[in-house]
Protein backbone atom coordinates (compact mmCIF):
# COMPACT_ATOMS: atom_id res chain seq x y z
CA MET A 1 -2.39 -26.38 29.66
CA GLY A 2 1.11 -26.67 31.87
CA SER A 3 4.38 -24.54 30.45
CA PHE A 4 5.90 -27.73 29.67
CA ALA A 5 3.20 -29.16 27.44
CA ARG A 6 2.95 -25.56 25.57
CA ASP A 7 6.48 -25.08 24.80
CA ARG A 8 6.43 -28.72 23.74
CA LEU A 9 3.73 -28.08 21.04
CA ARG A 10 5.34 -25.18 19.94
CA ARG A 11 8.54 -26.85 19.01
CA LEU A 12 6.65 -29.45 17.50
CA GLU A 13 5.10 -27.17 15.26
CA ARG A 14 8.17 -25.58 14.54
CA GLU A 15 9.83 -28.45 13.48
CA GLY A 16 6.94 -30.33 11.96
CA GLY A 17 6.16 -27.20 9.52
CA THR A 18 2.18 -27.18 10.66
CA VAL A 19 0.08 -25.18 12.83
CA THR A 20 -2.42 -26.06 14.99
CA LEU A 21 -5.43 -23.68 14.55
CA VAL A 22 -8.26 -23.18 17.37
CA CYS A 23 -11.39 -21.66 16.03
CA GLN A 24 -12.44 -18.91 19.08
CA GLU A 25 -16.15 -19.93 18.62
CA CYS A 26 -16.47 -23.54 18.42
CA GLY A 27 -13.51 -25.11 19.23
CA GLU A 28 -13.05 -26.51 16.10
CA GLU A 29 -8.96 -27.42 15.48
CA PHE A 30 -7.23 -27.33 12.25
CA ARG A 31 -3.90 -28.20 11.68
CA VAL A 32 -2.41 -26.84 8.49
CA SER A 33 0.98 -25.75 6.68
CA GLU A 34 2.86 -22.44 8.31
CA ASP A 35 2.62 -21.41 4.78
CA ALA A 36 -1.18 -21.21 4.82
CA GLY A 37 -1.38 -17.98 6.74
CA PRO A 38 1.23 -15.95 3.56
CA ALA A 39 -1.34 -18.52 1.36
CA LEU A 40 -4.34 -17.04 2.56
CA VAL A 41 -3.57 -13.22 2.52
CA ALA A 42 -2.46 -13.77 -0.67
CA TYR A 43 -5.44 -15.29 -2.12
CA GLN A 44 -7.68 -12.69 -0.06
CA TRP A 45 -5.75 -9.87 -1.86
CA GLN A 46 -6.32 -11.98 -5.60
CA GLN A 47 -10.03 -12.23 -4.72
CA GLU A 48 -10.07 -8.48 -3.92
CA THR A 49 -7.89 -7.24 -6.89
CA GLY A 50 -8.72 -9.69 -9.53
CA ALA A 51 -4.69 -10.15 -9.74
CA ILE A 52 -3.63 -13.62 -11.56
CA SER A 53 -1.38 -16.30 -9.71
CA TYR A 54 0.55 -18.48 -10.97
CA GLN A 55 0.54 -21.20 -8.20
CA ARG A 56 -2.11 -23.07 -6.80
CA THR A 57 -3.78 -22.28 -3.99
CA PRO A 58 -3.02 -25.18 -1.18
CA LYS A 59 -5.59 -26.77 0.18
CA ASP A 60 -5.20 -25.83 3.66
CA VAL A 61 -6.70 -22.12 2.49
CA PHE A 62 -9.97 -23.40 1.16
CA THR A 63 -10.45 -25.56 4.62
CA ILE A 64 -10.38 -22.29 6.15
CA LEU A 65 -12.61 -20.34 4.09
CA GLU A 66 -15.03 -22.83 4.02
CA HIS A 67 -15.36 -22.98 8.18
CA GLU A 68 -18.50 -21.63 9.04
CA HIS A 69 -16.73 -18.78 11.73
CA GLY A 70 -13.63 -17.74 9.17
CA ALA A 71 -10.27 -17.36 9.63
CA SER A 72 -10.47 -14.02 11.94
CA ALA A 73 -11.78 -16.54 14.63
CA LEU A 74 -8.51 -18.62 14.19
CA VAL A 75 -6.16 -18.54 17.04
CA LYS A 76 -2.89 -20.31 17.49
CA LYS A 77 -3.54 -23.35 19.84
CA ALA A 78 0.52 -23.22 21.06
CA THR A 79 0.12 -19.45 21.65
CA GLY A 80 -3.89 -18.12 21.58
CA GLU A 81 -2.45 -15.39 19.34
CA SER A 82 -4.27 -14.13 16.45
CA TRP A 83 -3.52 -15.96 13.20
CA PRO A 84 -2.63 -15.51 10.47
CA LEU A 85 -1.51 -12.28 11.58
CA THR A 86 -0.84 -11.27 14.95
CA MET A 87 -0.22 -7.75 16.76
CA ARG A 88 2.57 -6.70 18.88
CA ALA A 89 4.08 -3.66 19.86
CA SER A 90 6.85 -3.84 17.18
CA GLY A 91 4.32 -4.26 14.24
CA ILE A 92 2.65 -6.73 12.58
CA VAL A 93 4.59 -10.12 12.42
CA GLY A 94 3.18 -14.19 11.89
CA LEU A 95 3.14 -14.43 8.09
CA THR A 96 6.69 -16.20 8.19
CA GLU A 97 6.37 -17.59 11.90
């Protein structure tokens, strides 16, 4: 993908409130809310701890969890960065990007 197309895709994702993810294993693409990352982390934490949530878990979270390769195989299509968390020298980012 050319630089122009990649920059345009990034801009569209930021403006639209969505992010396009691609599975590194099978190539399947998902277009999810940009809030799906934090929601997925919160849902997994609830499952591990037994904590109760007072908000509904977004449908995007279940779509990702039902994928045969799971969330760990997903990357942001526009950048190739891991999702929902991105590791950088400055620390962990990505939950609010």
